[in-house]
Amino acid sequence: MAMDEHLGDDAPSPVDRTVGRPATGVSTALARRLLLAGLLGGQLGLLASTVLAGLVRGGVAAASAAVGAVIAVLFFSLGQAVVLRYAEREGAVLLVAALASYGIRAAGLAGAVALYDGAGLDLLDRTATAAGMVATVLLWTTAEVITFARMRIPVYDLGYTDGRPTGEE
């Protein structure tokens, strides 16, 4: 008998990794598509800002733009990961998780900037870092908007039913 087997009870196994997780469904698939689109846009922002900063201002600017772009990709990726995790939950739960995630990420970013400024380090070209962040955010968001506009969400299709009985029967 394996250690995770229970005799005579219907309790979930402590080794079962699916306990407490919602089933993967349409919302998860849509959130995953948005994440992948955002990552593609973010990588384009990283590449474009790094090359442009390198050509215009040199190697330090290229590295600084790359740092800014990576920070933006991490910021958005973590937020999308939370949305992906809670995609199949009720809307209120997803909203709370997304807003809490945003607050934590924004506070963490503000804290990192404060620590960098307080340390007196002057390693990064601030203009290039900001340009890398802005370019990445714009391309990430653009990719998500384009992908979302092309998504087919079945709830808006004529004849869609969610399986609940209607009063017409």
Protein backbone atom coordinates (compact mmCIF):
# COMPACT_ATOMS: atom_id res chain seq x y z
CA MET A 1 0.00 0.00 0.00
CA ALA A 2 1.38 3.42 -0.98
CA MET A 3 1.69 6.10 1.67
CA ASP A 4 -0.97 8.27 0.08
CA GLU A 5 -3.69 5.61 0.06
CA HIS A 6 -6.52 5.81 2.57
CA LEU A 7 -8.44 2.78 3.71
CA GLY A 8 -12.15 3.17 4.15
CA ASP A 9 -12.49 6.95 3.80
CA ASP A 10 -13.23 9.28 0.94
CA ALA A 11 -10.81 11.98 2.07
CA PRO A 12 -8.58 13.33 -0.66
CA SER A 13 -5.05 12.10 -0.69
CA PRO A 14 -2.46 14.51 0.73
CA VAL A 15 -0.29 13.64 -2.27
CA ASP A 16 -3.01 14.49 -4.81
CA ARG A 17 -1.87 17.77 -6.34
CA THR A 18 -5.23 18.58 -7.93
CA VAL A 19 -7.15 18.92 -4.65
CA GLY A 20 -8.42 22.47 -4.25
CA ARG A 21 -7.61 23.46 -7.81
CA PRO A 22 -10.39 24.39 -10.17
CA ALA A 23 -10.76 22.41 -13.37
CA THR A 24 -9.00 23.79 -16.41
CA GLY A 25 -11.58 25.30 -18.71
CA VAL A 26 -12.27 27.95 -21.30
CA SER A 27 -11.26 30.86 -19.07
CA THR A 28 -7.89 29.29 -18.37
CA ALA A 29 -7.31 28.69 -22.08
CA LEU A 30 -8.18 32.31 -22.88
CA ALA A 31 -5.93 33.62 -20.10
CA ARG A 32 -3.11 31.41 -21.35
CA ARG A 33 -3.50 32.81 -24.89
CA LEU A 34 -3.32 36.35 -23.50
CA LEU A 35 -0.20 35.47 -21.51
CA LEU A 36 1.53 34.02 -24.56
CA ALA A 37 0.57 37.02 -26.69
CA GLY A 38 1.85 39.38 -24.01
CA LEU A 39 5.10 37.48 -23.73
CA LEU A 40 5.59 37.74 -27.49
CA GLY A 41 4.92 41.48 -27.41
CA GLY A 42 7.19 41.84 -24.39
CA GLN A 43 10.03 40.04 -26.15
CA LEU A 44 9.61 42.33 -29.15
CA GLY A 45 9.79 45.31 -26.78
CA LEU A 46 12.92 43.90 -25.18
CA LEU A 47 14.60 43.35 -28.52
CA ALA A 48 13.57 46.68 -30.07
CA SER A 49 14.45 48.83 -27.07
CA THR A 50 17.78 47.11 -26.50
CA VAL A 51 18.88 47.42 -30.13
CA LEU A 52 17.68 51.01 -30.47
CA ALA A 53 19.27 52.12 -27.19
CA GLY A 54 22.52 50.41 -28.17
CA LEU A 55 22.60 52.13 -31.54
CA VAL A 56 21.72 55.58 -30.18
CA ARG A 57 23.49 55.69 -26.81
CA GLY A 58 25.89 52.74 -26.56
CA GLY A 59 26.39 49.59 -24.56
CA VAL A 60 25.38 50.85 -21.12
CA ALA A 61 22.14 52.18 -22.57
CA ALA A 62 21.47 48.85 -24.30
CA ALA A 63 22.00 46.96 -21.05
CA SER A 64 19.83 49.49 -19.19
CA ALA A 65 17.01 49.15 -21.73
CA ALA A 66 17.24 45.38 -21.39
CA VAL A 67 16.98 45.66 -17.60
CA GLY A 68 13.91 47.91 -17.92
CA ALA A 69 12.30 45.54 -20.41
CA VAL A 70 12.96 42.48 -18.23
CA ILE A 71 11.44 44.25 -15.23
CA ALA A 72 8.31 45.02 -17.27
CA VAL A 73 8.07 41.43 -18.55
CA LEU A 74 8.41 40.07 -15.01
CA PHE A 75 5.83 42.53 -13.68
CA PHE A 76 3.23 41.57 -16.27
CA SER A 77 4.09 37.85 -16.24
CA LEU A 78 3.53 37.60 -12.51
CA GLY A 79 0.18 39.35 -12.85
CA GLN A 80 -0.89 37.08 -15.70
CA ALA A 81 0.24 34.03 -13.71
CA VAL A 82 -2.13 35.03 -10.91
CA VAL A 83 -4.97 35.54 -13.38
CA LEU A 84 -4.18 32.18 -14.96
CA ARG A 85 -4.26 30.49 -11.55
CA TYR A 86 -7.64 31.98 -10.62
CA ALA A 87 -9.22 32.04 -14.12
CA GLU A 88 -11.85 29.41 -13.37
CA ARG A 89 -12.92 30.91 -10.05
CA GLU A 90 -15.80 33.32 -9.55
CA GLY A 91 -15.29 36.84 -10.84
CA ALA A 92 -15.07 38.40 -7.37
CA VAL A 93 -12.32 35.99 -6.32
CA LEU A 94 -10.38 36.65 -9.52
CA LEU A 95 -10.75 40.40 -9.05
CA VAL A 96 -9.45 40.28 -5.47
CA ALA A 97 -6.51 38.08 -6.48
CA ALA A 98 -5.61 40.30 -9.43
CA LEU A 99 -5.84 43.52 -7.40
CA ALA A 100 -3.83 42.05 -4.53
CA SER A 101 -1.23 40.85 -6.99
CA TYR A 102 -1.03 44.29 -8.57
CA GLY A 103 -0.64 45.99 -5.19
CA ILE A 104 2.13 43.63 -4.15
CA ARG A 105 3.94 43.97 -7.50
CA ALA A 106 3.64 47.79 -7.50
CA ALA A 107 4.89 48.02 -3.90
CA GLY A 108 7.77 45.67 -4.70
CA LEU A 109 8.75 47.74 -7.74
CA ALA A 110 8.56 50.98 -5.75
CA GLY A 111 10.67 49.40 -3.01
CA ALA A 112 13.28 48.22 -5.51
CA VAL A 113 13.52 51.71 -7.02
CA ALA A 114 13.85 53.26 -3.55
CA LEU A 115 16.61 50.80 -2.63
CA TYR A 116 18.44 51.49 -5.89
CA ASP A 117 18.21 55.26 -5.38
CA GLY A 118 19.17 55.00 -1.70
CA ALA A 119 22.23 52.91 -2.48
CA GLY A 120 23.63 55.72 -4.62
CA LEU A 121 24.35 53.37 -7.49
CA ASP A 122 24.69 54.90 -10.92
CA LEU A 123 24.97 51.76 -13.01
CA LEU A 124 21.99 52.23 -15.31
CA ASP A 125 21.13 54.84 -17.90
CA ARG A 126 17.80 55.99 -16.47
CA THR A 127 16.45 57.23 -19.79
CA ALA A 128 17.21 53.94 -21.52
CA THR A 129 15.80 51.93 -18.59
CA ALA A 130 12.55 53.89 -18.74
CA ALA A 131 12.44 53.59 -22.54
CA GLY A 132 12.89 49.82 -22.29
CA MET A 133 10.04 49.60 -19.78
CA VAL A 134 7.71 51.83 -21.78
CA ALA A 135 8.40 50.07 -25.09
CA THR A 136 7.84 46.67 -23.49
CA VAL A 137 4.63 47.73 -21.75
CA LEU A 138 3.26 49.24 -24.97
CA LEU A 139 4.09 46.19 -27.08
CA TRP A 140 2.85 43.75 -24.40
CA THR A 141 -0.44 45.60 -24.11
CA THR A 142 -0.82 45.97 -27.87
CA ALA A 143 -0.27 42.24 -28.37
CA GLU A 144 -2.86 41.44 -25.69
CA VAL A 145 -5.43 43.85 -27.16
CA ILE A 146 -4.98 42.42 -30.66
CA THR A 147 -5.24 38.87 -29.34
CA PHE A 148 -8.29 39.66 -27.23
CA ALA A 149 -10.02 41.35 -30.17
CA ARG A 150 -9.52 38.18 -32.24
CA MET A 151 -10.67 35.76 -29.54
CA ARG A 152 -13.90 33.91 -29.97
CA ILE A 153 -15.68 33.84 -26.62
CA PRO A 154 -18.56 31.35 -26.90
CA VAL A 155 -20.77 32.99 -24.28
CA TYR A 156 -21.57 35.71 -26.82
CA ASP A 157 -22.50 33.25 -29.59
CA LEU A 158 -26.14 32.84 -30.52
CA GLY A 159 -27.47 29.57 -29.19
CA TYR A 160 -24.89 29.28 -26.39
CA THR A 161 -26.15 27.61 -23.25
CA ASP A 162 -24.30 27.11 -20.03
CA GLY A 163 -26.22 23.97 -19.16
CA ARG A 164 -28.59 25.55 -16.64
CA PRO A 165 -32.30 24.93 -17.16
CA THR A 166 -34.29 27.86 -18.46
CA GLY A 167 -37.87 28.78 -17.60
CA GLU A 168 -39.00 27.89 -21.14
CA GLU A 169 -38.97 24.11 -20.63
